[in-house]
Amino acid sequence: MLSEFDALEDAHGAEKAADLRKACRYMLRSQFAYSGDRGTANVYNSLTDSRFRRIADQFFESIGYQVHRNADEQWVGILLTDDDPSSVPRMRLDETMVVLVLGSHWQEEADLGNLFDRATAVTTFNVLHERYRDMLQNAGKPAITPGRFLDLLKDVALRNLISVGEFDYDAQDREIEIRPMIKFVSGADALTRLETYVKTEERGMRSRAIPAVGELLRPGISGSEGDAA
């Protein structure tokens, strides 16, 4: 790949070659670039420029990624081409659930035809936090604080999958823009996976409760046997 970058530099100048290198490093760090975000203009332009696309595609392919572009929605992303779990950074359960909540909310809005410009879904922090909290309660899990939930959303925003707005003191809320790339991370079946998770946890709670009831009915502990003694 070094020869391709050298050829690019010879043909288009050192500045263009440096821009493409920076764009590749940015994608390895953030995974997605969304046109219009602060600091992403050169990244997006470099990776969508017809003169440089082939080099970028070959570079990422050589390390196991495929480049995805959407001109209408104006984003670029890289996704692993293999299914090896060891190739994917592991997320904590709370991080995974936040991504699934975001993905399912985006999918519901898409199904209802409520998406905005560039296929974004616009909602608020309070709506998402309530949805996340209800899901955890149904699964018998402890709730997390609004501050912790905000931190998790900001982690997702680092990958440019969402945009977290400023706090509105009048509404005591903040706007969250969910971008269409979320479906590549959460999966198209995010809502189904959420429902499956909750049902699995509910079954687990019931099965964990059965031994406790059984203990009360064990010989020597039940009230009837105590009376007979």
C-alpha atoms as a PDB file:
ATOM      1  CA  MET A   1       0.000   0.000   0.000  1.00  0.00           C
ATOM      2  CA  LEU A   2       2.935   2.364   0.482  1.00  0.00           C
ATOM      3  CA  SER A   3       3.468   2.529  -3.264  1.00  0.00           C
ATOM      4  CA  GLU A   4      -0.146   3.625  -3.825  1.00  0.00           C
ATOM      5  CA  PHE A   5       0.200   6.463  -1.328  1.00  0.00           C
ATOM      6  CA  ASP A   6       3.522   7.469  -2.882  1.00  0.00           C
ATOM      7  CA  ALA A   7       1.901   7.504  -6.322  1.00  0.00           C
ATOM      8  CA  LEU A   8      -0.953   9.619  -4.973  1.00  0.00           C
ATOM      9  CA  GLU A   9       1.542  12.090  -3.555  1.00  0.00           C
ATOM     10  CA  ASP A  10       3.378  12.293  -6.876  1.00  0.00           C
ATOM     11  CA  ALA A  11       0.144  12.831  -8.808  1.00  0.00           C
ATOM     12  CA  HIS A  12      -1.784  15.134  -6.478  1.00  0.00           C
ATOM     13  CA  GLY A  13       0.724  16.567  -4.022  1.00  0.00           C
ATOM     14  CA  ALA A  14       1.857  15.915  -0.479  1.00  0.00           C
ATOM     15  CA  GLU A  15      -1.107  17.742   1.067  1.00  0.00           C
ATOM     16  CA  LYS A  16      -3.703  15.469  -0.555  1.00  0.00           C
ATOM     17  CA  ALA A  17      -1.745  12.375   0.422  1.00  0.00           C
ATOM     18  CA  ALA A  18      -1.522  13.634   4.007  1.00  0.00           C
ATOM     19  CA  ASP A  19      -5.272  14.315   4.046  1.00  0.00           C
ATOM     20  CA  LEU A  20      -6.018  10.745   2.975  1.00  0.00           C
ATOM     21  CA  ARG A  21      -3.676   9.290   5.597  1.00  0.00           C
ATOM     22  CA  LYS A  22      -5.355  11.409   8.269  1.00  0.00           C
ATOM     23  CA  ALA A  23      -8.773  10.310   7.017  1.00  0.00           C
ATOM     24  CA  CYS A  24      -7.795   6.643   7.298  1.00  0.00           C
ATOM     25  CA  ARG A  25      -6.501   7.134  10.839  1.00  0.00           C
ATOM     26  CA  TYR A  26      -9.690   8.969  11.761  1.00  0.00           C
ATOM     27  CA  MET A  27     -11.847   6.106  10.503  1.00  0.00           C
ATOM     28  CA  LEU A  28      -9.862   3.516  12.449  1.00  0.00           C
ATOM     29  CA  ARG A  29     -10.487   5.578  15.568  1.00  0.00           C
ATOM     30  CA  SER A  30     -14.124   6.617  15.029  1.00  0.00           C
ATOM     31  CA  GLN A  31     -15.456   4.092  12.470  1.00  0.00           C
ATOM     32  CA  PHE A  32     -17.879   6.586  10.903  1.00  0.00           C
ATOM     33  CA  ALA A  33     -17.621  10.093   9.472  1.00  0.00           C
ATOM     34  CA  TYR A  34     -20.710  12.249   9.052  1.00  0.00           C
ATOM     35  CA  SER A  35     -20.535  15.227   6.726  1.00  0.00           C
ATOM     36  CA  GLY A  36     -21.152  18.477   8.556  1.00  0.00           C
ATOM     37  CA  ASP A  37     -19.686  17.429  11.883  1.00  0.00           C
ATOM     38  CA  ARG A  38     -16.906  19.603  13.186  1.00  0.00           C
ATOM     39  CA  GLY A  39     -13.504  18.496  11.935  1.00  0.00           C
ATOM     40  CA  THR A  40     -14.765  15.908   9.455  1.00  0.00           C
ATOM     41  CA  ALA A  41     -14.832  17.905   6.209  1.00  0.00           C
ATOM     42  CA  ASN A  42     -11.415  16.720   5.003  1.00  0.00           C
ATOM     43  CA  VAL A  43     -12.126  13.173   6.171  1.00  0.00           C
ATOM     44  CA  TYR A  44     -15.424  12.934   4.307  1.00  0.00           C
ATOM     45  CA  ASN A  45     -14.113  14.672   1.192  1.00  0.00           C
ATOM     46  CA  SER A  46     -10.961  12.550   1.030  1.00  0.00           C
ATOM     47  CA  LEU A  47     -12.848   9.271   1.320  1.00  0.00           C
ATOM     48  CA  THR A  48     -15.513  10.211  -1.229  1.00  0.00           C
ATOM     49  CA  ASP A  49     -13.209  11.853  -3.786  1.00  0.00           C
ATOM     50  CA  SER A  50     -13.219   9.635  -6.873  1.00  0.00           C
ATOM     51  CA  ARG A  51      -9.457  10.125  -7.235  1.00  0.00           C
ATOM     52  CA  PHE A  52      -8.738   8.540  -3.855  1.00  0.00           C
ATOM     53  CA  ARG A  53     -11.557   6.073  -3.269  1.00  0.00           C
ATOM     54  CA  ARG A  54      -9.748   3.077  -4.717  1.00  0.00           C
ATOM     55  CA  ILE A  55      -6.678   3.632  -2.544  1.00  0.00           C
ATOM     56  CA  ALA A  56      -8.785   4.032   0.594  1.00  0.00           C
ATOM     57  CA  ASP A  57     -10.846   0.953  -0.233  1.00  0.00           C
ATOM     58  CA  GLN A  58      -7.742  -1.151  -0.841  1.00  0.00           C
ATOM     59  CA  PHE A  59      -6.100   0.032   2.363  1.00  0.00           C
ATOM     60  CA  PHE A  60      -9.067  -0.893   4.530  1.00  0.00           C
ATOM     61  CA  GLU A  61      -9.613  -4.145   2.664  1.00  0.00           C
ATOM     62  CA  SER A  62      -6.008  -5.119   3.412  1.00  0.00           C
ATOM     63  CA  ILE A  63      -6.717  -4.916   7.155  1.00  0.00           C
ATOM     64  CA  GLY A  64     -10.115  -6.593   7.068  1.00  0.00           C
ATOM     65  CA  TYR A  65     -12.565  -3.712   6.619  1.00  0.00           C
ATOM     66  CA  GLN A  66     -15.024  -2.734   3.918  1.00  0.00           C
ATOM     67  CA  VAL A  67     -15.773   0.920   3.252  1.00  0.00           C
ATOM     68  CA  HIS A  68     -19.454   1.896   3.092  1.00  0.00           C
ATOM     69  CA  ARG A  69     -20.605   5.201   1.644  1.00  0.00           C
ATOM     70  CA  ASN A  70     -24.021   6.814   1.333  1.00  0.00           C
ATOM     71  CA  ALA A  71     -24.089   9.921  -0.826  1.00  0.00           C
ATOM     72  CA  ASP A  72     -27.713  10.819   0.010  1.00  0.00           C
ATOM     73  CA  GLU A  73     -27.205  10.570   3.768  1.00  0.00           C
ATOM     74  CA  GLN A  74     -23.634  11.893   3.452  1.00  0.00           C
ATOM     75  CA  TRP A  75     -21.671   9.504   5.627  1.00  0.00           C
ATOM     76  CA  VAL A  76     -18.788   7.087   5.303  1.00  0.00           C
ATOM     77  CA  GLY A  77     -18.129   4.076   7.520  1.00  0.00           C
ATOM     78  CA  ILE A  78     -15.911   1.032   7.816  1.00  0.00           C
ATOM     79  CA  LEU A  79     -17.191  -2.397   8.853  1.00  0.00           C
ATOM     80  CA  LEU A  80     -15.287  -5.593   9.493  1.00  0.00           C
ATOM     81  CA  THR A  81     -15.548  -8.132   6.705  1.00  0.00           C
ATOM     82  CA  ASP A  82     -15.227 -11.178   8.997  1.00  0.00           C
ATOM     83  CA  ASP A  83     -17.403 -12.446  11.842  1.00  0.00           C
ATOM     84  CA  ASP A  84     -14.574 -13.292  14.228  1.00  0.00           C
ATOM     85  CA  PRO A  85     -15.697 -11.995  17.660  1.00  0.00           C
ATOM     86  CA  SER A  86     -12.081 -11.349  18.617  1.00  0.00           C
ATOM     87  CA  SER A  87     -11.900  -8.727  15.856  1.00  0.00           C
ATOM     88  CA  VAL A  88     -14.608  -6.600  17.462  1.00  0.00           C
ATOM     89  CA  PRO A  89     -13.964  -4.447  20.543  1.00  0.00           C
ATOM     90  CA  ARG A  90     -15.999  -5.837  23.424  1.00  0.00           C
ATOM     91  CA  MET A  91     -18.661  -3.560  24.864  1.00  0.00           C
ATOM     92  CA  ARG A  92     -19.996  -3.683  28.388  1.00  0.00           C
ATOM     93  CA  LEU A  93     -23.606  -4.737  28.828  1.00  0.00           C
ATOM     94  CA  ASP A  94     -24.799  -1.190  29.542  1.00  0.00           C
ATOM     95  CA  GLU A  95     -23.046   0.085  26.404  1.00  0.00           C
ATOM     96  CA  THR A  96     -24.584  -2.672  24.306  1.00  0.00           C
ATOM     97  CA  MET A  97     -28.060  -1.958  25.636  1.00  0.00           C
ATOM     98  CA  VAL A  98     -27.746   1.760  24.885  1.00  0.00           C
ATOM     99  CA  VAL A  99     -26.803   0.982  21.279  1.00  0.00           C
ATOM    100  CA  LEU A 100     -29.767  -1.394  20.988  1.00  0.00           C
ATOM    101  CA  VAL A 101     -32.142   1.213  22.444  1.00  0.00           C
ATOM    102  CA  LEU A 102     -30.872   3.789  19.945  1.00  0.00           C
ATOM    103  CA  GLY A 103     -31.131   1.328  17.068  1.00  0.00           C
ATOM    104  CA  SER A 104     -34.637   0.211  17.943  1.00  0.00           C
ATOM    105  CA  HIS A 105     -35.814   3.816  18.340  1.00  0.00           C
ATOM    106  CA  TRP A 106     -34.376   4.725  14.924  1.00  0.00           C
ATOM    107  CA  GLN A 107     -36.017   1.672  13.334  1.00  0.00           C
ATOM    108  CA  GLU A 108     -39.421   2.471  14.835  1.00  0.00           C
ATOM    109  CA  GLU A 109     -39.242   6.022  13.494  1.00  0.00           C
ATOM    110  CA  ALA A 110     -38.207   4.681  10.085  1.00  0.00           C
ATOM    111  CA  ASP A 111     -41.130   2.239  10.054  1.00  0.00           C
ATOM    112  CA  LEU A 112     -43.515   5.098  10.894  1.00  0.00           C
ATOM    113  CA  GLY A 113     -42.059   7.352   8.202  1.00  0.00           C
ATOM    114  CA  ASN A 114     -40.898   9.876  10.802  1.00  0.00           C
ATOM    115  CA  LEU A 115     -37.286  10.237   9.715  1.00  0.00           C
ATOM    116  CA  PHE A 116     -35.906  13.691   9.027  1.00  0.00           C
ATOM    117  CA  ASP A 117     -33.311  14.978   6.573  1.00  0.00           C
ATOM    118  CA  ARG A 118     -30.568  12.457   5.776  1.00  0.00           C
ATOM    119  CA  ALA A 119     -32.606   9.665   7.407  1.00  0.00           C
ATOM    120  CA  THR A 120     -32.053  10.904  10.950  1.00  0.00           C
ATOM    121  CA  ALA A 121     -34.397  10.301  13.861  1.00  0.00           C
ATOM    122  CA  VAL A 122     -34.739  13.161  16.322  1.00  0.00           C
ATOM    123  CA  THR A 123     -35.720  12.494  19.913  1.00  0.00           C
ATOM    124  CA  THR A 124     -34.724  13.652  23.388  1.00  0.00           C
ATOM    125  CA  PHE A 125     -32.525  12.468  26.206  1.00  0.00           C
ATOM    126  CA  ASN A 126     -35.476  12.001  28.561  1.00  0.00           C
ATOM    127  CA  VAL A 127     -37.363   9.801  26.095  1.00  0.00           C
ATOM    128  CA  LEU A 128     -34.368   7.527  25.577  1.00  0.00           C
ATOM    129  CA  HIS A 129     -33.475   7.383  29.267  1.00  0.00           C
ATOM    130  CA  GLU A 130     -37.037   6.444  30.197  1.00  0.00           C
ATOM    131  CA  ARG A 131     -37.036   3.726  27.563  1.00  0.00           C
ATOM    132  CA  TYR A 132     -33.716   2.390  28.810  1.00  0.00           C
ATOM    133  CA  ARG A 133     -34.863   2.545  32.441  1.00  0.00           C
ATOM    134  CA  ASP A 134     -38.121   0.723  31.707  1.00  0.00           C
ATOM    135  CA  MET A 135     -36.265  -1.984  29.856  1.00  0.00           C
ATOM    136  CA  LEU A 136     -33.881  -2.559  32.771  1.00  0.00           C
ATOM    137  CA  GLN A 137     -36.719  -2.618  35.285  1.00  0.00           C
ATOM    138  CA  ASN A 138     -38.619  -5.185  33.226  1.00  0.00           C
ATOM    139  CA  ALA A 139     -35.482  -7.303  33.178  1.00  0.00           C
ATOM    140  CA  GLY A 140     -34.969  -6.912  36.924  1.00  0.00           C
ATOM    141  CA  LYS A 141     -31.785  -4.882  36.509  1.00  0.00           C
ATOM    142  CA  PRO A 142     -30.897  -1.803  38.582  1.00  0.00           C
ATOM    143  CA  ALA A 143     -31.489   1.552  36.928  1.00  0.00           C
ATOM    144  CA  ILE A 144     -28.612   3.856  36.049  1.00  0.00           C
ATOM    145  CA  THR A 145     -28.427   7.552  36.821  1.00  0.00           C
ATOM    146  CA  PRO A 146     -29.125  10.196  34.163  1.00  0.00           C
ATOM    147  CA  GLY A 147     -25.476  11.215  34.409  1.00  0.00           C
ATOM    148  CA  ARG A 148     -24.257   7.711  33.633  1.00  0.00           C
ATOM    149  CA  PHE A 149     -26.725   7.414  30.751  1.00  0.00           C
ATOM    150  CA  LEU A 150     -25.447  10.704  29.324  1.00  0.00           C
ATOM    151  CA  ASP A 151     -21.874   9.414  29.536  1.00  0.00           C
ATOM    152  CA  LEU A 152     -22.896   6.307  27.585  1.00  0.00           C
ATOM    153  CA  LEU A 153     -24.574   8.436  24.914  1.00  0.00           C
ATOM    154  CA  LYS A 154     -21.457  10.585  24.607  1.00  0.00           C
ATOM    155  CA  ASP A 155     -19.395   7.435  24.093  1.00  0.00           C
ATOM    156  CA  VAL A 156     -21.677   6.492  21.194  1.00  0.00           C
ATOM    157  CA  ALA A 157     -21.382  10.044  19.847  1.00  0.00           C
ATOM    158  CA  LEU A 158     -17.604   9.602  19.608  1.00  0.00           C
ATOM    159  CA  ARG A 159     -18.302   7.172  16.767  1.00  0.00           C
ATOM    160  CA  ASN A 160     -20.520   9.804  15.096  1.00  0.00           C
ATOM    161  CA  LEU A 161     -23.565   7.528  15.344  1.00  0.00           C
ATOM    162  CA  ILE A 162     -25.558  10.175  17.197  1.00  0.00           C
ATOM    163  CA  SER A 163     -25.376  13.863  17.987  1.00  0.00           C
ATOM    164  CA  VAL A 164     -25.992  14.992  21.569  1.00  0.00           C
ATOM    165  CA  GLY A 165     -27.448  18.487  21.814  1.00  0.00           C
ATOM    166  CA  GLU A 166     -26.906  21.154  24.432  1.00  0.00           C
ATOM    167  CA  PHE A 167     -28.950  21.071  27.617  1.00  0.00           C
ATOM    168  CA  ASP A 168     -32.199  23.049  27.392  1.00  0.00           C
ATOM    169  CA  TYR A 169     -32.780  24.527  30.846  1.00  0.00           C
ATOM    170  CA  ASP A 170     -36.394  25.434  30.075  1.00  0.00           C
ATOM    171  CA  ALA A 171     -37.300  21.928  28.922  1.00  0.00           C
ATOM    172  CA  GLN A 172     -34.835  20.242  31.301  1.00  0.00           C
ATOM    173  CA  ASP A 173     -33.877  18.031  28.387  1.00  0.00           C
ATOM    174  CA  ARG A 174     -31.565  17.834  25.394  1.00  0.00           C
ATOM    175  CA  GLU A 175     -32.079  16.838  21.766  1.00  0.00           C
ATOM    176  CA  ILE A 176     -30.571  13.607  20.477  1.00  0.00           C
ATOM    177  CA  GLU A 177     -30.161  13.035  16.748  1.00  0.00           C
ATOM    178  CA  ILE A 178     -29.845   9.349  15.842  1.00  0.00           C
ATOM    179  CA  ARG A 179     -28.133   8.785  12.526  1.00  0.00           C
ATOM    180  CA  PRO A 180     -28.889   5.989  10.054  1.00  0.00           C
ATOM    181  CA  MET A 181     -25.485   4.333  10.545  1.00  0.00           C
ATOM    182  CA  ILE A 182     -26.748   3.079  13.914  1.00  0.00           C
ATOM    183  CA  LYS A 183     -28.404   0.154  12.134  1.00  0.00           C
ATOM    184  CA  PHE A 184     -25.005  -1.197  11.111  1.00  0.00           C
ATOM    185  CA  VAL A 185     -23.914  -1.351  14.749  1.00  0.00           C
ATOM    186  CA  SER A 186     -27.145  -2.315  16.509  1.00  0.00           C
ATOM    187  CA  GLY A 187     -28.331  -4.624  13.728  1.00  0.00           C
ATOM    188  CA  ALA A 188     -31.560  -4.427  11.766  1.00  0.00           C
ATOM    189  CA  ASP A 189     -33.215  -6.592  14.426  1.00  0.00           C
ATOM    190  CA  ALA A 190     -32.379  -4.302  17.359  1.00  0.00           C
ATOM    191  CA  LEU A 191     -35.964  -4.174  18.647  1.00  0.00           C
ATOM    192  CA  THR A 192     -36.318  -7.955  18.464  1.00  0.00           C
ATOM    193  CA  ARG A 193     -33.024  -8.420  20.280  1.00  0.00           C
ATOM    194  CA  LEU A 194     -34.142  -6.025  23.018  1.00  0.00           C
ATOM    195  CA  GLU A 195     -37.411  -7.888  23.479  1.00  0.00           C
ATOM    196  CA  THR A 196     -35.563 -11.211  23.533  1.00  0.00           C
ATOM    197  CA  TYR A 197     -33.165  -9.906  26.161  1.00  0.00           C
ATOM    198  CA  VAL A 198     -35.967  -8.685  28.421  1.00  0.00           C
ATOM    199  CA  LYS A 199     -37.909 -11.949  28.081  1.00  0.00           C
ATOM    200  CA  THR A 200     -34.775 -13.973  28.809  1.00  0.00           C
ATOM    201  CA  GLU A 201     -34.075 -11.940  31.931  1.00  0.00           C
ATOM    202  CA  GLU A 202     -37.690 -12.282  33.068  1.00  0.00           C
ATOM    203  CA  ARG A 203     -37.482 -16.058  32.672  1.00  0.00           C
ATOM    204  CA  GLY A 204     -34.228 -16.015  34.578  1.00  0.00           C
ATOM    205  CA  MET A 205     -35.852 -14.098  37.427  1.00  0.00           C
ATOM    206  CA  ARG A 206     -38.687 -16.626  37.620  1.00  0.00           C
ATOM    207  CA  SER A 207     -36.340 -19.598  37.550  1.00  0.00           C
ATOM    208  CA  ARG A 208     -34.212 -18.057  40.280  1.00  0.00           C
ATOM    209  CA  ALA A 209     -37.340 -17.582  42.383  1.00  0.00           C
ATOM    210  CA  ILE A 210     -38.440 -21.225  42.103  1.00  0.00           C
ATOM    211  CA  PRO A 211     -35.763 -22.663  44.429  1.00  0.00           C
ATOM    212  CA  ALA A 212     -36.704 -20.117  47.063  1.00  0.00           C
ATOM    213  CA  VAL A 213     -40.316 -21.308  46.988  1.00  0.00           C
ATOM    214  CA  GLY A 214     -39.161 -24.910  46.913  1.00  0.00           C
ATOM    215  CA  GLU A 215     -37.116 -24.357  50.041  1.00  0.00           C
ATOM    216  CA  LEU A 216     -40.266 -23.416  51.935  1.00  0.00           C
ATOM    217  CA  LEU A 217     -41.933 -26.682  50.885  1.00  0.00           C
ATOM    218  CA  ARG A 218     -38.954 -28.899  51.721  1.00  0.00           C
ATOM    219  CA  PRO A 219     -39.700 -31.562  54.399  1.00  0.00           C
ATOM    220  CA  GLY A 220     -38.872 -30.286  57.839  1.00  0.00           C
ATOM    221  CA  ILE A 221     -39.520 -26.644  56.909  1.00  0.00           C
ATOM    222  CA  SER A 222     -43.173 -26.525  55.830  1.00  0.00           C
ATOM    223  CA  GLY A 223     -45.708 -25.358  58.378  1.00  0.00           C
ATOM    224  CA  SER A 224     -47.810 -28.529  58.084  1.00  0.00           C
ATOM    225  CA  GLU A 225     -44.906 -30.813  58.977  1.00  0.00           C
ATOM    226  CA  GLY A 226     -44.035 -28.639  61.950  1.00  0.00           C
ATOM    227  CA  ASP A 227     -47.597 -28.991  63.233  1.00  0.00           C
ATOM    228  CA  ALA A 228     -47.460 -32.769  62.828  1.00  0.00           C
ATOM    229  CA  ALA A 229     -44.333 -32.929  64.924  1.00  0.00           C
END
